Protein backbone atom coordinates (compact mmCIF):
# COMPACT_ATOMS: atom_id res chain seq x y z
CA MET A 1 77.98 37.89 98.49
CA PRO A 2 78.28 36.38 94.99
CA THR A 3 76.42 33.13 94.38
CA PRO A 4 77.35 30.52 91.75
CA SER A 5 76.27 31.23 88.19
CA ARG A 6 74.96 28.56 85.84
CA SER A 7 78.31 28.48 84.09
CA LEU A 8 80.13 27.95 87.41
CA LEU A 9 77.76 25.11 88.38
CA SER A 10 78.39 23.56 84.97
CA GLU A 11 82.16 23.83 85.52
CA LEU A 12 81.85 22.26 88.98
CA ARG A 13 79.86 19.35 87.52
CA SER A 14 82.55 18.80 84.92
CA LEU A 15 85.10 18.59 87.75
CA VAL A 16 83.31 16.20 90.13
CA GLY A 17 80.51 14.59 88.13
CA GLU A 18 76.88 15.46 87.43
CA GLY A 19 75.50 13.84 90.59
CA ALA A 20 78.09 15.40 92.90
CA VAL A 21 76.81 18.97 92.60
CA LEU A 22 73.52 19.62 94.36
CA SER A 23 71.40 22.69 93.67
CA ASP A 24 67.81 21.52 94.06
CA PRO A 25 66.18 23.22 97.11
CA GLY A 26 64.99 19.87 98.45
CA GLN A 27 68.52 18.48 98.38
CA LEU A 28 69.99 21.62 99.94
CA MET A 29 67.71 21.33 102.99
CA VAL A 30 69.90 18.49 104.25
CA TYR A 31 72.79 20.95 104.54
CA GLU A 32 70.99 23.95 106.07
CA SER A 33 71.97 22.97 109.61
CA ASP A 34 74.54 20.94 111.50
CA GLY A 35 74.07 19.06 114.78
CA LEU A 36 73.08 22.34 116.44
CA THR A 37 69.66 22.72 114.84
CA GLN A 38 68.93 26.15 116.31
CA TYR A 39 70.59 27.76 113.27
CA ARG A 40 69.49 27.10 109.69
CA HIS A 41 71.05 28.61 106.57
CA ALA A 42 70.54 26.99 103.16
CA PRO A 43 73.59 26.92 100.86
CA SER A 44 73.29 28.02 97.23
CA ALA A 45 74.87 24.70 96.17
CA VAL A 46 76.71 21.68 97.58
CA VAL A 47 79.77 20.17 95.90
CA LEU A 48 81.08 16.70 96.81
CA PRO A 49 84.61 16.07 95.52
CA ALA A 50 86.01 12.54 95.76
CA SER A 51 89.76 13.21 95.53
CA THR A 52 92.34 15.83 96.39
CA ALA A 53 92.62 16.78 92.70
CA GLU A 54 88.86 17.32 92.48
CA LEU A 55 88.90 19.32 95.71
CA GLN A 56 91.66 21.57 94.36
CA GLY A 57 89.74 22.11 91.14
CA VAL A 58 86.56 23.04 93.00
CA VAL A 59 88.31 25.48 95.34
CA ARG A 60 90.19 27.14 92.47
CA ALA A 61 86.95 27.64 90.55
CA LEU A 62 85.21 29.16 93.56
CA ASP A 63 88.20 31.37 94.35
CA ARG A 64 88.47 32.60 90.75
CA THR A 65 84.79 33.61 90.66
CA GLY A 66 84.78 35.16 94.13
CA VAL A 67 82.13 32.79 95.52
CA PRO A 68 82.43 32.10 99.29
CA PHE A 69 82.46 28.49 100.43
CA VAL A 70 82.20 26.39 103.58
CA PRO A 71 84.19 23.20 104.31
CA ARG A 72 81.91 20.51 105.77
CA GLY A 73 82.33 16.96 106.99
CA ALA A 74 79.49 14.80 108.28
CA GLY A 75 77.60 17.76 109.76
CA THR A 76 77.70 16.43 113.33
CA GLY A 77 79.26 19.64 114.68
CA LEU A 78 77.54 21.44 117.54
CA SER A 79 78.49 25.09 117.06
CA GLY A 80 76.93 26.03 113.73
CA GLY A 81 80.41 25.99 112.25
CA ALA A 82 79.60 24.31 108.92
CA LEU A 83 76.65 26.49 107.91
CA ALA A 84 76.61 28.39 104.62
CA LEU A 85 75.77 31.99 105.53
CA ASP A 86 74.38 34.32 102.83
CA GLY A 87 74.12 31.57 100.24
CA ALA A 88 77.71 30.35 100.30
CA VAL A 89 78.59 27.03 98.62
CA VAL A 90 79.13 23.99 100.84
CA VAL A 91 82.11 21.84 99.85
CA ALA A 92 81.53 18.53 101.63
CA THR A 93 84.35 15.98 101.87
CA THR A 94 82.22 12.93 102.74
CA ARG A 95 83.03 11.20 99.43
CA MET A 96 86.76 11.45 100.25
CA ASN A 97 86.42 8.43 102.53
CA ARG A 98 89.35 6.11 101.88
CA ILE A 99 92.01 4.87 104.28
CA LEU A 100 95.04 5.44 102.07
CA GLU A 101 97.58 3.61 104.21
CA LEU A 102 97.66 1.75 107.52
CA ASN A 103 101.20 1.01 108.65
CA ALA A 104 100.97 -1.17 111.76
CA ALA A 105 104.74 -1.25 112.27
CA ARG A 106 104.94 2.54 112.45
CA ARG A 107 101.53 2.83 114.16
CA ARG A 108 100.46 5.33 111.54
CA ALA A 109 97.49 5.73 109.24
CA ARG A 110 97.00 8.15 106.35
CA VAL A 111 93.38 8.86 105.54
CA GLN A 112 91.12 11.10 103.51
CA PRO A 113 89.03 13.59 105.51
CA GLY A 114 85.73 11.77 104.97
CA VAL A 115 86.81 8.62 106.84
CA ILE A 116 84.48 8.06 109.78
CA ASN A 117 86.24 8.15 113.14
CA ALA A 118 85.08 4.72 114.34
CA HIS A 119 85.91 3.12 110.98
CA LEU A 120 89.59 3.88 111.47
CA THR A 121 89.62 2.05 114.80
CA ARG A 122 87.76 -0.85 113.18
CA ALA A 123 90.41 -1.06 110.45
CA ALA A 124 93.24 -0.91 112.99
CA ALA A 125 91.74 -3.50 115.37
CA PRO A 126 93.19 -6.61 113.64
CA HIS A 127 96.65 -5.14 114.30
CA GLY A 128 95.94 -4.61 118.01
CA LEU A 129 95.74 -0.85 117.48
CA TYR A 130 93.12 1.88 117.74
CA TYR A 131 92.60 5.61 117.20
CA ALA A 132 92.29 7.31 120.59
CA PRO A 133 90.12 10.45 120.10
CA ASP A 134 86.54 9.25 120.56
CA PRO A 135 83.87 11.95 120.18
CA SER A 136 80.41 10.77 121.24
CA SER A 137 79.46 11.05 117.55
CA GLN A 138 82.36 8.79 116.52
CA SER A 139 80.07 6.39 114.68
CA ALA A 140 79.19 9.24 112.27
CA CYS A 141 81.73 12.08 112.52
CA THR A 142 84.68 12.25 110.12
CA LEU A 143 88.40 12.75 110.65
CA GLY A 144 88.37 15.96 108.62
CA GLY A 145 85.77 17.46 110.93
CA ASN A 146 87.71 16.19 113.96
CA VAL A 147 90.80 18.04 112.71
CA ALA A 148 88.81 21.22 112.06
CA GLU A 149 87.37 21.20 115.60
CA ASN A 150 90.33 19.59 117.40
CA SER A 151 87.77 17.12 118.74
CA GLY A 152 88.09 15.30 122.02
CA GLY A 153 85.71 12.79 123.58
CA PRO A 154 85.13 10.92 126.82
CA HIS A 155 88.68 9.51 126.91
CA CYS A 156 90.49 12.80 126.24
CA LEU A 157 91.01 13.18 130.02
CA LYS A 158 93.86 10.65 129.79
CA TYR A 159 94.62 10.50 126.10
CA GLY A 160 94.19 14.06 124.89
CA VAL A 161 92.46 15.53 121.86
CA THR A 162 92.96 15.27 118.09
CA SER A 163 96.02 17.56 117.92
CA ARG A 164 98.01 15.03 119.95
CA TYR A 165 97.58 12.36 117.26
CA VAL A 166 97.87 14.24 113.96
CA THR A 167 101.44 13.96 112.64
CA ALA A 168 101.04 15.43 109.15
CA LEU A 169 98.45 17.09 106.93
CA SER A 170 98.09 17.68 103.23
CA LEU A 171 96.20 20.97 102.99
CA VAL A 172 94.23 22.61 100.22
CA LEU A 173 94.30 26.32 100.97
CA PRO A 174 91.43 28.70 100.12
CA ASP A 175 93.02 29.57 96.74
CA GLY A 176 93.39 25.89 95.80
CA GLU A 177 97.12 25.59 96.51
CA ARG A 178 98.21 22.29 98.07
CA ILE A 179 100.86 22.25 100.81
CA GLU A 180 102.25 19.62 103.18
CA VAL A 181 102.70 20.34 106.88
CA GLY A 182 103.98 18.09 109.63
CA ARG A 183 105.97 17.82 112.80
CA GLY A 184 109.69 18.38 112.36
CA ALA A 185 109.52 18.28 108.57
CA SER A 186 112.07 21.06 108.05
CA GLY A 187 113.77 21.61 111.35
CA ALA A 188 113.08 22.82 114.86
CA ASN A 189 112.64 26.46 113.84
CA GLU A 190 109.79 25.95 111.38
CA LEU A 191 106.43 27.60 111.90
CA ASP A 192 103.94 25.28 113.58
CA LEU A 193 101.44 25.31 110.70
CA LEU A 194 100.12 21.95 111.84
CA GLY A 195 99.20 23.39 115.23
CA ALA A 196 97.74 26.49 113.62
CA PHE A 197 95.49 24.52 111.28
CA ILE A 198 94.13 21.94 113.73
CA GLY A 199 91.14 23.51 115.43
CA SER A 200 90.80 26.31 112.85
CA GLU A 201 87.13 25.37 112.33
CA GLY A 202 87.20 25.29 108.54
CA CYS A 203 88.42 28.91 108.27
CA PHE A 204 91.89 28.13 106.90
CA GLY A 205 91.04 25.63 104.14
CA PHE A 206 90.73 21.84 103.87
CA ALA A 207 92.65 18.90 105.31
CA ALA A 208 92.77 16.79 102.14
CA GLU A 209 94.86 13.98 103.66
CA ILE A 210 95.51 13.31 107.33
CA GLU A 211 98.28 11.24 108.92
CA VAL A 212 97.54 10.12 112.47
CA GLU A 213 99.20 8.10 115.19
CA LEU A 214 97.55 4.87 116.39
CA LEU A 215 97.89 3.38 119.86
CA PRO A 216 98.11 -0.24 121.05
CA ARG A 217 94.99 -1.56 122.70
CA PRO A 218 95.25 -1.29 126.51
CA GLU A 219 95.88 -4.58 128.29
CA GLY A 220 93.01 -4.16 130.73
CA VAL A 221 89.96 -1.98 131.40
CA ARG A 222 87.86 -1.38 134.53
CA THR A 223 84.54 0.44 134.19
CA LEU A 224 82.34 1.60 137.06
CA LEU A 225 79.00 3.36 137.34
CA ALA A 226 78.35 5.45 140.46
CA LEU A 227 74.80 6.66 141.20
CA PHE A 228 74.11 9.83 143.21
CA ASP A 229 71.09 11.59 144.67
CA SER A 230 72.44 15.04 143.74
CA LEU A 231 74.28 16.38 140.73
CA GLU A 232 76.55 18.43 142.98
CA ALA A 233 77.62 15.28 144.87
CA ALA A 234 78.61 13.64 141.58
CA GLY A 235 80.69 16.74 140.75
CA ALA A 236 82.34 16.59 144.18
CA ALA A 237 83.21 12.92 143.58
CA VAL A 238 85.01 13.88 140.38
CA SER A 239 87.18 16.38 142.27
CA ALA A 240 87.83 13.82 145.01
CA ILE A 241 88.94 11.15 142.53
CA MET A 242 91.39 13.51 140.85
CA ALA A 243 92.63 14.84 144.18
CA GLU A 244 93.45 11.24 145.14
CA GLY A 245 96.10 11.30 142.40
CA LEU A 246 94.18 8.93 140.13
CA LEU A 247 94.08 9.39 136.35
CA PRO A 248 91.01 7.66 134.91
CA ALA A 249 90.72 7.28 131.15
CA ALA A 250 87.26 8.81 131.46
CA LEU A 251 85.00 10.51 134.02
CA GLU A 252 81.55 11.27 132.60
CA ILE A 253 78.40 12.63 134.28
CA ILE A 254 74.81 12.08 133.09
CA ASP A 255 72.00 13.86 134.97
CA ARG A 256 68.41 12.83 135.72
CA GLU A 257 66.82 14.53 132.70
CA THR A 258 69.27 12.77 130.38
CA ILE A 259 68.88 9.41 132.12
CA ARG A 260 65.10 9.55 131.75
CA ALA A 261 65.40 10.41 128.06
CA VAL A 262 67.79 7.53 127.44
CA GLU A 263 65.75 5.02 129.41
CA ALA A 264 62.60 5.93 127.47
CA SER A 265 64.38 5.37 124.15
CA VAL A 266 65.67 2.41 122.18
CA PHE A 267 69.04 3.10 123.83
CA ALA A 268 67.81 2.15 127.33
CA ALA A 269 70.85 1.23 129.43
CA GLY A 270 69.23 0.09 132.68
CA TYR A 271 70.03 3.23 134.70
CA PRO A 272 67.59 3.87 137.59
CA GLU A 273 65.41 6.86 136.69
CA ASP A 274 65.09 8.26 140.21
CA VAL A 275 68.78 9.12 140.68
CA ALA A 276 69.96 12.71 140.21
CA ALA A 277 73.18 11.76 138.41
CA ALA A 278 75.26 8.85 137.17
CA LEU A 279 79.06 8.98 136.98
CA VAL A 280 80.82 6.68 134.50
CA ILE A 281 84.41 6.00 135.57
CA GLU A 282 86.91 4.06 133.48
CA PHE A 283 90.52 3.06 134.04
CA ASP A 284 92.69 1.31 131.48
CA GLY A 285 96.30 0.27 130.95
CA LEU A 286 98.41 -2.56 132.32
CA GLU A 287 96.39 -5.10 134.29
CA GLU A 288 98.58 -4.70 137.35
CA GLY A 289 97.20 -1.92 139.50
CA LEU A 290 93.86 -1.47 137.74
CA ASP A 291 91.86 -3.15 140.50
CA ALA A 292 93.49 -0.93 143.13
CA GLU A 293 92.69 2.22 141.11
CA ALA A 294 89.08 1.15 140.62
CA GLU A 295 88.70 0.42 144.32
CA ALA A 296 90.16 3.79 145.26
CA ALA A 297 87.68 5.55 142.96
CA ARG A 298 84.85 3.47 144.42
CA ALA A 299 85.83 4.54 147.94
CA ARG A 300 85.89 8.23 146.97
CA CYS A 301 82.43 7.98 145.39
CA LEU A 302 81.00 6.34 148.52
CA ALA A 303 82.61 9.03 150.68
CA GLU A 304 80.86 11.69 148.58
CA GLY A 305 77.46 10.02 149.02
CA ALA A 306 77.09 7.59 146.13
CA ARG A 307 74.11 5.38 146.84
CA GLU A 308 75.15 2.55 144.51
CA LEU A 309 78.25 1.38 142.61
CA ARG A 310 78.19 -0.99 139.65
CA VAL A 311 81.30 -2.61 138.18
CA ALA A 312 81.38 -4.15 134.71
CA ALA A 313 82.54 -7.77 134.76
CA THR A 314 82.36 -8.37 131.00
CA GLU A 315 82.73 -6.38 127.79
CA ALA A 316 78.95 -6.53 127.33
CA GLU A 317 78.42 -5.05 130.79
CA ARG A 318 80.99 -2.34 130.05
CA ALA A 319 79.12 -1.41 126.86
CA ALA A 320 75.87 -1.26 128.84
CA LEU A 321 77.38 1.10 131.41
CA TRP A 322 78.59 3.36 128.59
CA GLN A 323 75.32 3.20 126.66
CA GLY A 324 73.61 5.97 128.60
CA ARG A 325 76.51 8.35 127.97
CA LYS A 326 77.24 7.52 124.35
CA LYS A 327 73.61 7.68 123.23
CA ALA A 328 72.53 10.66 125.33
CA PHE A 329 72.30 13.21 122.53
CA GLY A 330 70.42 10.79 120.29
CA ALA A 331 67.76 10.39 122.98
CA MET A 332 67.22 14.12 123.63
CA GLY A 333 64.61 14.36 120.90
CA ARG A 334 62.20 12.58 123.24
CA ILE A 335 62.27 15.58 125.57
CA ALA A 336 61.85 18.54 123.20
CA PRO A 337 61.87 19.26 119.45
CA ASP A 338 64.96 21.49 119.72
CA LEU A 339 68.19 21.40 121.67
CA LEU A 340 70.89 23.99 122.25
CA VAL A 341 73.92 22.21 123.65
CA GLN A 342 76.42 24.52 125.27
CA ASP A 343 80.07 23.69 125.70
CA ALA A 344 82.19 25.39 128.34
CA THR A 345 85.09 24.29 130.50
CA VAL A 346 85.61 25.15 134.17
CA PRO A 347 88.16 24.12 136.81
CA ARG A 348 87.16 20.73 138.27
CA SER A 349 87.15 22.20 141.79
CA ARG A 350 84.38 24.59 140.75
CA LEU A 351 82.09 21.93 139.26
CA PRO A 352 79.61 21.68 142.18
CA GLU A 353 78.94 25.42 142.37
CA VAL A 354 78.82 25.89 138.58
CA LEU A 355 76.37 23.00 138.20
CA ALA A 356 74.19 24.57 140.90
CA GLY A 357 74.41 27.91 139.08
CA ILE A 358 73.37 26.36 135.77
CA GLY A 359 70.38 24.79 137.50
CA GLU A 360 69.41 28.18 138.93
CA ILE A 361 69.71 29.87 135.52
CA GLY A 362 67.51 27.22 133.91
CA ALA A 363 64.86 27.52 136.63
CA ARG A 364 64.82 31.32 136.47
CA HIS A 365 64.30 31.26 132.71
CA ARG A 366 61.69 28.47 133.00
CA LEU A 367 63.75 26.09 130.87
CA ARG A 368 64.52 22.40 131.07
CA VAL A 369 68.25 21.76 131.28
CA ALA A 370 69.79 18.32 130.77
CA ASN A 371 73.48 17.85 131.63
CA VAL A 372 75.79 15.25 130.13
CA PHE A 373 79.49 16.07 130.07
CA HIS A 374 83.18 15.24 130.40
CA ALA A 375 83.49 15.88 134.12
CA GLY A 376 87.12 14.79 134.39
CA ASP A 377 88.40 17.88 132.59
CA GLY A 378 85.51 20.14 133.61
CA ASN A 379 84.05 20.21 130.09
CA LEU A 380 80.35 20.96 130.63
CA HIS A 381 77.53 20.32 128.16
CA PRO A 382 74.32 21.86 129.55
CA ASN A 383 71.55 21.11 127.05
CA LEU A 384 68.80 23.72 126.86
CA LEU A 385 65.60 22.05 125.67
CA PHE A 386 63.01 24.11 123.81
CA ASP A 387 60.73 24.57 120.80
CA ARG A 388 62.13 27.14 118.37
CA ARG A 389 58.62 27.83 117.03
CA ASP A 390 57.94 29.53 120.39
CA ALA A 391 59.56 32.98 120.05
CA ASP A 392 59.36 33.71 123.77
CA GLU A 393 60.99 30.42 124.70
CA LEU A 394 63.72 30.94 122.09
CA ALA A 395 64.52 34.35 123.57
CA ARG A 396 64.77 32.78 127.04
CA VAL A 397 67.13 30.12 125.68
CA GLU A 398 69.42 32.75 124.19
CA ALA A 399 69.45 34.78 127.43
CA ALA A 400 70.14 31.67 129.55
CA SER A 401 72.90 30.57 127.18
CA ARG A 402 74.78 33.84 127.58
CA GLU A 403 74.38 33.72 131.37
CA ILE A 404 75.77 30.17 131.46
CA MET A 405 78.79 31.26 129.40
CA ALA A 406 79.41 34.23 131.71
CA LEU A 407 79.06 32.00 134.79
CA CYS A 408 81.68 29.57 133.46
CA VAL A 409 84.12 32.35 132.54
CA GLU A 410 83.69 33.97 135.98
CA ALA A 411 84.54 30.59 137.53
CA GLY A 412 87.90 30.63 135.74
CA GLY A 413 86.76 28.70 132.67
CA THR A 414 86.34 29.33 128.96
CA ILE A 415 83.55 29.29 126.37
CA THR A 416 84.36 26.04 124.57
CA GLY A 417 86.08 22.79 125.40
CA GLU A 418 85.62 20.81 122.19
CA HIS A 419 82.64 21.92 120.09
CA GLY A 420 84.32 25.05 118.80
CA VAL A 421 83.12 28.65 118.49
CA GLY A 422 81.53 28.51 115.05
CA LEU A 423 78.49 30.73 114.60
CA ASP A 424 76.99 30.06 118.01
CA LYS A 425 79.68 31.44 120.33
CA ARG A 426 81.46 34.12 118.32
CA ALA A 427 79.59 36.88 120.20
CA TYR A 428 81.04 35.43 123.44
CA MET A 429 84.68 35.67 122.30
CA PRO A 430 85.21 39.06 124.05
CA LEU A 431 84.35 37.34 127.34
CA VAL A 432 87.69 35.53 127.19
CA HIS A 433 89.85 37.48 124.70
CA GLY A 434 90.81 41.12 124.53
CA GLU A 435 90.90 43.22 121.34
CA GLU A 436 94.61 42.62 120.79
CA VAL A 437 94.24 38.83 120.88
CA LEU A 438 91.21 38.94 118.59
CA ARG A 439 93.11 41.08 116.09
CA ALA A 440 95.99 38.57 116.18
CA MET A 441 93.52 35.78 115.43
CA ALA A 442 92.16 37.79 112.51
CA GLY A 443 95.71 38.28 111.24
CA LEU A 444 96.41 34.55 111.31
CA ARG A 445 93.17 33.88 109.48
CA ALA A 446 94.06 36.45 106.82
CA ALA A 447 97.45 34.76 106.31
CA PHE A 448 95.66 31.58 105.23
CA ASP A 449 92.66 33.26 103.56
CA PRO A 450 93.43 36.85 102.48
CA ALA A 451 90.16 37.18 100.53
CA GLY A 452 88.05 36.07 103.51
CA ARG A 453 85.91 33.67 101.49
CA CYS A 454 86.57 30.44 103.41
CA ASN A 455 83.82 29.83 106.00
CA PRO A 456 82.92 33.50 106.42
CA GLY A 457 81.02 34.71 109.48
CA LYS A 458 82.47 32.18 111.90
CA VAL A 459 84.58 32.28 115.08
CA LEU A 460 85.46 36.01 115.23
CA PRO A 461 82.89 38.69 116.11
CA ASP A 462 81.88 41.15 113.42
CA GLY A 463 84.25 44.06 112.94
CA VAL A 464 87.46 42.35 114.10
CA VAL A 465 90.29 43.12 111.68
CA PRO A 466 94.07 42.49 111.88
């Protein structure tokens, strides 16, 4: 693939400023990986535009010279989706970080893609509003990356994922053209370009401006922590709670390996280290009825063998109960130097058997597996812990990863719930999609990017053509 010439780098610097084009090898190391550190590919350059006009200029220059490029946000992704294969140029939108408008009356905000997820909620808080999608990386991840991955989070069980809240996008396509897409903009028969773009993993271009819906803060919240002596019992409790007809805002499981890592870190949350699993349960909404829902969930957990239930009485106690879940990935480095986090979704009713199967796969491959996941919608995150300098261990990780994916698909699930396909899972796509569907996906991609230079080598397996 072509790499940027000196004259192209000079042109890019004239567009965005001398300090906003990185080409020194030491600087490029920062961008060789995303949150999934198993894969490392250094870009040939990194460009950091600060406005839509600058972004358009950069993309046009790259398109004109035939240089492939990769859209990138904060780099918190967990599928290798923002890596620059074969020396592509990274175009990072982190300098495009302004909230352009916050209209409390309409409950809308228009933002640039580099706005950090949690910062939008912070800005909306004085108006009694918040932004609902809450990835565990929300203190660092950006709205542009959330749109690319259609991100969810612990509260997506009740509130849904990013696509539910995006009402309009200003897009910069891979040739530099700018278009506006939104819901109902030109009638009921229009193509759903908004739905097509959200979740496209940086393969269709850039979201240069994003309009999202904000929600009013819930009147009340009840948060519980249930402790179990087996991971399977915690999974059974999740199914029992949902079968009761309850709809928690969140149902999250943290296993023993994860609890021990968190408790040994600066994020210690006061979880007992001898339990097999902790289940975080949260209800929110109108005050009336919340206590009854929390009590019903408590009863189901006890019926499934919970040895202890804790209920948060204050906001500080609620934050403490959530601490172990929210900081889990940050604490994993205490267990092993490398982490491959998988992301598959299975029917809730199959959680106990799938969790047991994942444990068996880890044991057979002599690997440590730490589980922390969105149990309410069956979105599993088995974390395979290893040292990538050990070639034998790395091979066992890759074999176990494929077996876990196959197990989840056989249980009626799919290969990703929220992290995306990216580089990591594209070889697994035939497990869930036939050739005809894959060709249709390739056709849609070609409609946005006929030259195939926007985030090449991601999502679709090699050889898939329209």
